[in-house]
Amino acid sequence: MFFARLGLVVVILVMVAGVIQVATGLLIATEAIGPYEATLARYFPNSPSSGKIIDAGILKIIFAIVVGIIVEIRYALREQNRGP
C-alpha cells in the first residue's frame, strides 16, 4: 500500500518534470525566451543542444507512463483481491 502511494507520487513528479523539460527545450529551440546559445547556457549549462533536453524530457514522460501503468495494475489487483 505504501509503495503504491509512493509510486503515484513519483509518477506525478516525474511527469511534471518531463513536461516542463520538454516545454523549456522547445522554448530554447525556437528562441522564444532569448538567443539560443545564451539561453541554453543559462538554463542547461552542461547540455550540448536543446534536442538532448527534449529527448531527456520525453524519456521522463515515458518512464512516468510505465510506472503509472504498474501502479494502476497494483490498485486493480488490490480491488480484485478484496472480493465480493
PDB file of N, CA and C in Angstrom:
ATOM      1  N   MET A   1       0.826  -1.185   0.000  1.00  0.00           N
ATOM      2  CA  MET A   1       0.000   0.000   0.000  1.00  0.00           C
ATOM      3  C   MET A   1       0.873   1.253   0.000  1.00  0.00           C
ATOM      4  N   PHE A   2       1.883   1.269   0.879  1.00  0.00           N
ATOM      5  CA  PHE A   2       2.766   2.427   0.959  1.00  0.00           C
ATOM      6  C   PHE A   2       3.500   2.651  -0.364  1.00  0.00           C
ATOM      7  N   PHE A   3       3.984   1.567  -0.972  1.00  0.00           N
ATOM      8  CA  PHE A   3       4.747   1.705  -2.203  1.00  0.00           C
ATOM      9  C   PHE A   3       3.868   2.103  -3.382  1.00  0.00           C
ATOM     10  N   ALA A   4       2.613   1.703  -3.359  1.00  0.00           N
ATOM     11  CA  ALA A   4       1.701   2.112  -4.417  1.00  0.00           C
ATOM     12  C   ALA A   4       1.451   3.622  -4.347  1.00  0.00           C
ATOM     13  N   ARG A   5       1.270   4.125  -3.146  1.00  0.00           N
ATOM     14  CA  ARG A   5       1.081   5.574  -2.988  1.00  0.00           C
ATOM     15  C   ARG A   5       2.361   6.330  -3.326  1.00  0.00           C
ATOM     16  N   LEU A   6       3.480   5.800  -2.905  1.00  0.00           N
ATOM     17  CA  LEU A   6       4.756   6.418  -3.236  1.00  0.00           C
ATOM     18  C   LEU A   6       4.980   6.408  -4.748  1.00  0.00           C
ATOM     19  N   GLY A   7       4.606   5.319  -5.394  1.00  0.00           N
ATOM     20  CA  GLY A   7       4.713   5.234  -6.845  1.00  0.00           C
ATOM     21  C   GLY A   7       3.861   6.272  -7.538  1.00  0.00           C
ATOM     22  N   LEU A   8       2.675   6.517  -7.009  1.00  0.00           N
ATOM     23  CA  LEU A   8       1.799   7.525  -7.587  1.00  0.00           C
ATOM     24  C   LEU A   8       2.406   8.919  -7.455  1.00  0.00           C
ATOM     25  N   VAL A   9       3.012   9.202  -6.317  1.00  0.00           N
ATOM     26  CA  VAL A   9       3.670  10.496  -6.119  1.00  0.00           C
ATOM     27  C   VAL A   9       4.844  10.642  -7.079  1.00  0.00           C
ATOM     28  N   VAL A  10       5.630   9.575  -7.229  1.00  0.00           N
ATOM     29  CA  VAL A  10       6.774   9.600  -8.145  1.00  0.00           C
ATOM     30  C   VAL A  10       6.298   9.835  -9.573  1.00  0.00           C
ATOM     31  N   VAL A  11       5.225   9.167  -9.966  1.00  0.00           N
ATOM     32  CA  VAL A  11       4.687   9.331 -11.316  1.00  0.00           C
ATOM     33  C   VAL A  11       4.309  10.787 -11.568  1.00  0.00           C
ATOM     34  N   ILE A  12       3.612  11.389 -10.628  1.00  0.00           N
ATOM     35  CA  ILE A  12       3.178  12.771 -10.813  1.00  0.00           C
ATOM     36  C   ILE A  12       4.372  13.722 -10.898  1.00  0.00           C
ATOM     37  N   LEU A  13       5.334  13.557 -10.001  1.00  0.00           N
ATOM     38  CA  LEU A  13       6.501  14.441 -10.005  1.00  0.00           C
ATOM     39  C   LEU A  13       7.346  14.297 -11.269  1.00  0.00           C
ATOM     40  N   VAL A  14       7.574  13.063 -11.699  1.00  0.00           N
ATOM     41  CA  VAL A  14       8.384  12.831 -12.895  1.00  0.00           C
ATOM     42  C   VAL A  14       7.649  13.321 -14.144  1.00  0.00           C
ATOM     43  N   MET A  15       6.331  13.137 -14.191  1.00  0.00           N
ATOM     44  CA  MET A  15       5.559  13.604 -15.340  1.00  0.00           C
ATOM     45  C   MET A  15       5.624  15.127 -15.449  1.00  0.00           C
ATOM     46  N   VAL A  16       5.456  15.810 -14.331  1.00  0.00           N
ATOM     47  CA  VAL A  16       5.524  17.274 -14.333  1.00  0.00           C
ATOM     48  C   VAL A  16       6.923  17.734 -14.741  1.00  0.00           C
ATOM     49  N   ALA A  17       7.956  17.103 -14.204  1.00  0.00           N
ATOM     50  CA  ALA A  17       9.331  17.469 -14.557  1.00  0.00           C
ATOM     51  C   ALA A  17       9.603  17.239 -16.040  1.00  0.00           C
ATOM     52  N   GLY A  18       9.106  16.137 -16.587  1.00  0.00           N
ATOM     53  CA  GLY A  18       9.307  15.845 -18.003  1.00  0.00           C
ATOM     54  C   GLY A  18       8.603  16.840 -18.902  1.00  0.00           C
ATOM     55  N   VAL A  19       7.380  17.203 -18.555  1.00  0.00           N
ATOM     56  CA  VAL A  19       6.635  18.168 -19.364  1.00  0.00           C
ATOM     57  C   VAL A  19       7.314  19.537 -19.314  1.00  0.00           C
ATOM     58  N   ILE A  20       7.759  19.936 -18.137  1.00  0.00           N
ATOM     59  CA  ILE A  20       8.460  21.217 -18.020  1.00  0.00           C
ATOM     60  C   ILE A  20       9.757  21.195 -18.817  1.00  0.00           C
ATOM     61  N   GLN A  21      10.468  20.078 -18.771  1.00  0.00           N
ATOM     62  CA  GLN A  21      11.729  19.982 -19.504  1.00  0.00           C
ATOM     63  C   GLN A  21      11.506  20.032 -21.014  1.00  0.00           C
ATOM     64  N   VAL A  22      10.476  19.344 -21.507  1.00  0.00           N
ATOM     65  CA  VAL A  22      10.180  19.387 -22.944  1.00  0.00           C
ATOM     66  C   VAL A  22       9.772  20.798 -23.351  1.00  0.00           C
ATOM     67  N   ALA A  23       8.923  21.428 -22.552  1.00  0.00           N
ATOM     68  CA  ALA A  23       8.481  22.789 -22.874  1.00  0.00           C
ATOM     69  C   ALA A  23       9.662  23.763 -22.872  1.00  0.00           C
ATOM     70  N   THR A  24      10.544  23.642 -21.905  1.00  0.00           N
ATOM     71  CA  THR A  24      11.715  24.510 -21.854  1.00  0.00           C
ATOM     72  C   THR A  24      12.629  24.258 -23.044  1.00  0.00           C
ATOM     73  N   GLY A  25      12.817  23.002 -23.397  1.00  0.00           N
ATOM     74  CA  GLY A  25      13.633  22.681 -24.568  1.00  0.00           C
ATOM     75  C   GLY A  25      13.058  23.251 -25.845  1.00  0.00           C
ATOM     76  N   LEU A  26      11.739  23.198 -25.985  1.00  0.00           N
ATOM     77  CA  LEU A  26      11.101  23.775 -27.170  1.00  0.00           C
ATOM     78  C   LEU A  26      11.210  25.296 -27.179  1.00  0.00           C
ATOM     79  N   LEU A  27      11.070  25.913 -26.016  1.00  0.00           N
ATOM     80  CA  LEU A  27      11.220  27.365 -25.946  1.00  0.00           C
ATOM     81  C   LEU A  27      12.639  27.799 -26.284  1.00  0.00           C
ATOM     82  N   ILE A  28      13.616  27.033 -25.849  1.00  0.00           N
ATOM     83  CA  ILE A  28      15.010  27.338 -26.181  1.00  0.00           C
ATOM     84  C   ILE A  28      15.252  27.132 -27.673  1.00  0.00           C
ATOM     85  N   ALA A  29      14.724  26.048 -28.228  1.00  0.00           N
ATOM     86  CA  ALA A  29      14.946  25.739 -29.638  1.00  0.00           C
ATOM     87  C   ALA A  29      14.332  26.789 -30.563  1.00  0.00           C
ATOM     88  N   THR A  30      13.187  27.332 -30.170  1.00  0.00           N
ATOM     89  CA  THR A  30      12.530  28.334 -31.012  1.00  0.00           C
ATOM     90  C   THR A  30      12.990  29.749 -30.700  1.00  0.00           C
ATOM     91  N   GLU A  31      13.910  29.886 -29.756  1.00  0.00           N
ATOM     92  CA  GLU A  31      14.448  31.176 -29.327  1.00  0.00           C
ATOM     93  C   GLU A  31      13.343  32.111 -28.848  1.00  0.00           C
ATOM     94  N   ALA A  32      12.329  31.542 -28.212  1.00  0.00           N
ATOM     95  CA  ALA A  32      11.213  32.340 -27.711  1.00  0.00           C
ATOM     96  C   ALA A  32      11.576  33.096 -26.436  1.00  0.00           C
ATOM     97  N   ILE A  33      12.561  32.610 -25.706  1.00  0.00           N
ATOM     98  CA  ILE A  33      12.917  33.269 -24.448  1.00  0.00           C
ATOM     99  C   ILE A  33      14.315  33.887 -24.490  1.00  0.00           C
ATOM    100  N   GLY A  34      14.921  33.933 -25.663  1.00  0.00           N
ATOM    101  CA  GLY A  34      16.220  34.570 -25.784  1.00  0.00           C
ATOM    102  C   GLY A  34      17.062  33.916 -26.866  1.00  0.00           C
ATOM    103  N   PRO A  35      18.251  34.452 -27.094  1.00  0.00           N
ATOM    104  CA  PRO A  35      19.166  33.851 -28.071  1.00  0.00           C
ATOM    105  C   PRO A  35      19.517  32.417 -27.683  1.00  0.00           C
ATOM    106  N   TYR A  36      19.653  31.572 -28.686  1.00  0.00           N
ATOM    107  CA  TYR A  36      19.801  30.135 -28.464  1.00  0.00           C
ATOM    108  C   TYR A  36      20.961  29.806 -27.540  1.00  0.00           C
ATOM    109  N   GLU A  37      22.160  30.214 -27.879  1.00  0.00           N
ATOM    110  CA  GLU A  37      23.350  29.820 -27.117  1.00  0.00           C
ATOM    111  C   GLU A  37      23.310  30.356 -25.684  1.00  0.00           C
ATOM    112  N   ALA A  38      22.914  31.605 -25.518  1.00  0.00           N
ATOM    113  CA  ALA A  38      22.890  32.203 -24.182  1.00  0.00           C
ATOM    114  C   ALA A  38      21.824  31.537 -23.303  1.00  0.00           C
ATOM    115  N   THR A  39      20.660  31.281 -23.873  1.00  0.00           N
ATOM    116  CA  THR A  39      19.582  30.663 -23.102  1.00  0.00           C
ATOM    117  C   THR A  39      19.918  29.216 -22.757  1.00  0.00           C
ATOM    118  N   LEU A  40      20.508  28.495 -23.699  1.00  0.00           N
ATOM    119  CA  LEU A  40      20.914  27.118 -23.431  1.00  0.00           C
ATOM    120  C   LEU A  40      21.954  27.073 -22.320  1.00  0.00           C
ATOM    121  N   ALA A  41      22.919  27.969 -22.363  1.00  0.00           N
ATOM    122  CA  ALA A  41      23.957  28.006 -21.326  1.00  0.00           C
ATOM    123  C   ALA A  41      23.389  28.426 -19.979  1.00  0.00           C
ATOM    124  N   ARG A  42      22.349  29.244 -19.984  1.00  0.00           N
ATOM    125  CA  ARG A  42      21.780  29.712 -18.719  1.00  0.00           C
ATOM    126  C   ARG A  42      20.954  28.635 -18.026  1.00  0.00           C
ATOM    127  N   TYR A  43      20.080  27.955 -18.761  1.00  0.00           N
ATOM    128  CA  TYR A  43      19.157  27.001 -18.147  1.00  0.00           C
ATOM    129  C   TYR A  43      19.708  25.573 -18.078  1.00  0.00           C
ATOM    130  N   PHE A  44      20.506  25.183 -19.057  1.00  0.00           N
ATOM    131  CA  PHE A  44      21.082  23.828 -19.090  1.00  0.00           C
ATOM    132  C   PHE A  44      22.550  23.941 -19.483  1.00  0.00           C
ATOM    133  N   PRO A  45      23.408  24.318 -18.537  1.00  0.00           N
ATOM    134  CA  PRO A  45      24.808  24.600 -18.880  1.00  0.00           C
ATOM    135  C   PRO A  45      25.593  23.407 -19.410  1.00  0.00           C
ATOM    136  N   ASN A  46      25.233  22.185 -19.056  1.00  0.00           N
ATOM    137  CA  ASN A  46      26.019  21.024 -19.491  1.00  0.00           C
ATOM    138  C   ASN A  46      25.429  20.323 -20.705  1.00  0.00           C
ATOM    139  N   SER A  47      24.360  20.854 -21.266  1.00  0.00           N
ATOM    140  CA  SER A  47      23.711  20.198 -22.400  1.00  0.00           C
ATOM    141  C   SER A  47      24.255  20.741 -23.720  1.00  0.00           C
ATOM    142  N   PRO A  48      24.567  19.841 -24.660  1.00  0.00           N
ATOM    143  CA  PRO A  48      25.114  20.304 -25.928  1.00  0.00           C
ATOM    144  C   PRO A  48      24.079  20.938 -26.857  1.00  0.00           C
ATOM    145  N   SER A  49      22.797  20.554 -26.711  1.00  0.00           N
ATOM    146  CA  SER A  49      21.773  21.117 -27.584  1.00  0.00           C
ATOM    147  C   SER A  49      20.392  21.004 -26.939  1.00  0.00           C
ATOM    148  N   SER A  50      19.453  21.745 -27.503  1.00  0.00           N
ATOM    149  CA  SER A  50      18.087  21.683 -26.981  1.00  0.00           C
ATOM    150  C   SER A  50      17.435  20.346 -27.321  1.00  0.00           C
ATOM    151  N   GLY A  51      17.891  19.699 -28.365  1.00  0.00           N
ATOM    152  CA  GLY A  51      17.366  18.380 -28.718  1.00  0.00           C
ATOM    153  C   GLY A  51      17.615  17.348 -27.627  1.00  0.00           C
ATOM    154  N   LYS A  52      18.782  17.408 -27.011  1.00  0.00           N
ATOM    155  CA  LYS A  52      19.090  16.498 -25.901  1.00  0.00           C
ATOM    156  C   LYS A  52      18.171  16.763 -24.707  1.00  0.00           C
ATOM    157  N   ILE A  53      17.848  18.025 -24.476  1.00  0.00           N
ATOM    158  CA  ILE A  53      16.943  18.383 -23.380  1.00  0.00           C
ATOM    159  C   ILE A  53      15.556  17.816 -23.652  1.00  0.00           C
ATOM    160  N   ILE A  54      15.085  17.982 -24.868  1.00  0.00           N
ATOM    161  CA  ILE A  54      13.764  17.477 -25.239  1.00  0.00           C
ATOM    162  C   ILE A  54      13.732  15.956 -25.152  1.00  0.00           C
ATOM    163  N   ASP A  55      14.782  15.301 -25.633  1.00  0.00           N
ATOM    164  CA  ASP A  55      14.854  13.835 -25.555  1.00  0.00           C
ATOM    165  C   ASP A  55      14.801  13.340 -24.112  1.00  0.00           C
ATOM    166  N   ALA A  56      15.534  13.997 -23.226  1.00  0.00           N
ATOM    167  CA  ALA A  56      15.526  13.597 -21.815  1.00  0.00           C
ATOM    168  C   ALA A  56      14.151  13.808 -21.192  1.00  0.00           C
ATOM    169  N   GLY A  57      13.479  14.875 -21.577  1.00  0.00           N
ATOM    170  CA  GLY A  57      12.130  15.126 -21.074  1.00  0.00           C
ATOM    171  C   GLY A  57      11.142  14.082 -21.554  1.00  0.00           C
ATOM    172  N   ILE A  58      11.264  13.686 -22.810  1.00  0.00           N
ATOM    173  CA  ILE A  58      10.379  12.649 -23.351  1.00  0.00           C
ATOM    174  C   ILE A  58      10.635  11.313 -22.648  1.00  0.00           C
ATOM    175  N   LEU A  59      11.888  11.011 -22.367  1.00  0.00           N
ATOM    176  CA  LEU A  59      12.198   9.779 -21.621  1.00  0.00           C
ATOM    177  C   LEU A  59      11.595   9.806 -20.223  1.00  0.00           C
ATOM    178  N   LYS A  60      11.607  10.964 -19.581  1.00  0.00           N
ATOM    179  CA  LYS A  60      10.971  11.088 -18.264  1.00  0.00           C
ATOM    180  C   LYS A  60       9.468  10.843 -18.364  1.00  0.00           C
ATOM    181  N   ILE A  61       8.848  11.385 -19.398  1.00  0.00           N
ATOM    182  CA  ILE A  61       7.410  11.192 -19.587  1.00  0.00           C
ATOM    183  C   ILE A  61       7.101   9.718 -19.827  1.00  0.00           C
ATOM    184  N   ILE A  62       7.897   9.050 -20.656  1.00  0.00           N
ATOM    185  CA  ILE A  62       7.687   7.621 -20.917  1.00  0.00           C
ATOM    186  C   ILE A  62       7.870   6.815 -19.632  1.00  0.00           C
ATOM    187  N   PHE A  63       8.890   7.137 -18.842  1.00  0.00           N
ATOM    188  CA  PHE A  63       9.107   6.463 -17.566  1.00  0.00           C
ATOM    189  C   PHE A  63       7.893   6.646 -16.654  1.00  0.00           C
ATOM    190  N   ALA A  64       7.362   7.862 -16.596  1.00  0.00           N
ATOM    191  CA  ALA A  64       6.200   8.129 -15.751  1.00  0.00           C
ATOM    192  C   ALA A  64       4.982   7.335 -16.218  1.00  0.00           C
ATOM    193  N   ILE A  65       4.816   7.205 -17.515  1.00  0.00           N
ATOM    194  CA  ILE A  65       3.687   6.427 -18.039  1.00  0.00           C
ATOM    195  C   ILE A  65       3.827   4.953 -17.655  1.00  0.00           C
ATOM    196  N   VAL A  66       5.021   4.406 -17.807  1.00  0.00           N
ATOM    197  CA  VAL A  66       5.246   2.989 -17.486  1.00  0.00           C
ATOM    198  C   VAL A  66       5.024   2.736 -15.996  1.00  0.00           C
ATOM    199  N   VAL A  67       5.591   3.577 -15.152  1.00  0.00           N
ATOM    200  CA  VAL A  67       5.400   3.399 -13.711  1.00  0.00           C
ATOM    201  C   VAL A  67       3.932   3.624 -13.346  1.00  0.00           C
ATOM    202  N   GLY A  68       3.277   4.562 -14.001  1.00  0.00           N
ATOM    203  CA  GLY A  68       1.854   4.791 -13.761  1.00  0.00           C
ATOM    204  C   GLY A  68       1.008   3.577 -14.107  1.00  0.00           C
ATOM    205  N   ILE A  69       1.348   2.903 -15.186  1.00  0.00           N
ATOM    206  CA  ILE A  69       0.639   1.676 -15.554  1.00  0.00           C
ATOM    207  C   ILE A  69       0.841   0.606 -14.486  1.00  0.00           C
ATOM    208  N   ILE A  70       2.059   0.485 -13.996  1.00  0.00           N
ATOM    209  CA  ILE A  70       2.338  -0.506 -12.948  1.00  0.00           C
ATOM    210  C   ILE A  70       1.552  -0.183 -11.677  1.00  0.00           C
ATOM    211  N   VAL A  71       1.486   1.084 -11.317  1.00  0.00           N
ATOM    212  CA  VAL A  71       0.729   1.485 -10.130  1.00  0.00           C
ATOM    213  C   VAL A  71      -0.758   1.196 -10.325  1.00  0.00           C
ATOM    214  N   GLU A  72      -1.282   1.475 -11.509  1.00  0.00           N
ATOM    215  CA  GLU A  72      -2.698   1.186 -11.783  1.00  0.00           C
ATOM    216  C   GLU A  72      -2.985  -0.320 -11.710  1.00  0.00           C
ATOM    217  N   ILE A  73      -2.054  -1.131 -12.189  1.00  0.00           N
ATOM    218  CA  ILE A  73      -2.216  -2.583 -12.093  1.00  0.00           C
ATOM    219  C   ILE A  73      -2.248  -2.988 -10.623  1.00  0.00           C
ATOM    220  N   ARG A  74      -1.408  -2.389  -9.821  1.00  0.00           N
ATOM    221  CA  ARG A  74      -1.378  -2.696  -8.389  1.00  0.00           C
ATOM    222  C   ARG A  74      -2.719  -2.364  -7.740  1.00  0.00           C
ATOM    223  N   TYR A  75      -3.264  -1.193  -8.054  1.00  0.00           N
ATOM    224  CA  TYR A  75      -4.566  -0.820  -7.487  1.00  0.00           C
ATOM    225  C   TYR A  75      -5.674  -1.755  -7.978  1.00  0.00           C
ATOM    226  N   ALA A  76      -5.625  -2.161  -9.240  1.00  0.00           N
ATOM    227  CA  ALA A  76      -6.636  -3.076  -9.777  1.00  0.00           C
ATOM    228  C   ALA A  76      -6.544  -4.441  -9.102  1.00  0.00           C
ATOM    229  N   LEU A  77      -5.327  -4.922  -8.869  1.00  0.00           N
ATOM    230  CA  LEU A  77      -5.161  -6.208  -8.191  1.00  0.00           C
ATOM    231  C   LEU A  77      -5.657  -6.139  -6.753  1.00  0.00           C
ATOM    232  N   ARG A  78      -5.432  -5.012  -6.104  1.00  0.00           N
ATOM    233  CA  ARG A  78      -5.909  -4.865  -4.734  1.00  0.00           C
ATOM    234  C   ARG A  78      -7.437  -4.903  -4.687  1.00  0.00           C
ATOM    235  N   GLU A  79      -8.092  -4.241  -5.630  1.00  0.00           N
ATOM    236  CA  GLU A  79      -9.553  -4.254  -5.680  1.00  0.00           C
ATOM    237  C   GLU A  79     -10.071  -5.652  -6.018  1.00  0.00           C
ATOM    238  N   GLN A  80      -9.368  -6.358  -6.892  1.00  0.00           N
ATOM    239  CA  GLN A  80      -9.786  -7.709  -7.279  1.00  0.00           C
ATOM    240  C   GLN A  80      -9.634  -8.672  -6.108  1.00  0.00           C
ATOM    241  N   ASN A  81      -8.608  -8.513  -5.306  1.00  0.00           N
ATOM    242  CA  ASN A  81      -8.372  -9.420  -4.189  1.00  0.00           C
ATOM    243  C   ASN A  81      -9.321  -9.181  -3.020  1.00  0.00           C
ATOM    244  N   ARG A  82      -9.945  -8.037  -2.964  1.00  0.00           N
ATOM    245  CA  ARG A  82     -10.913  -7.780  -1.895  1.00  0.00           C
ATOM    246  C   ARG A  82     -12.126  -8.679  -2.029  1.00  0.00           C
ATOM    247  N   GLY A  83     -12.518  -8.925  -3.262  1.00  0.00           N
ATOM    248  CA  GLY A  83     -13.637  -9.842  -3.500  1.00  0.00           C
ATOM    249  C   GLY A  83     -14.977  -9.272  -3.094  1.00  0.00           C
ATOM    250  N   PRO A  84     -16.027 -10.074  -3.320  1.00  0.00           N
ATOM    251  CA  PRO A  84     -17.390  -9.623  -3.001  1.00  0.00           C
ATOM    252  C   PRO A  84     -17.718  -9.687  -1.533  1.00  0.00           C
TER     253      PRO A  84
END
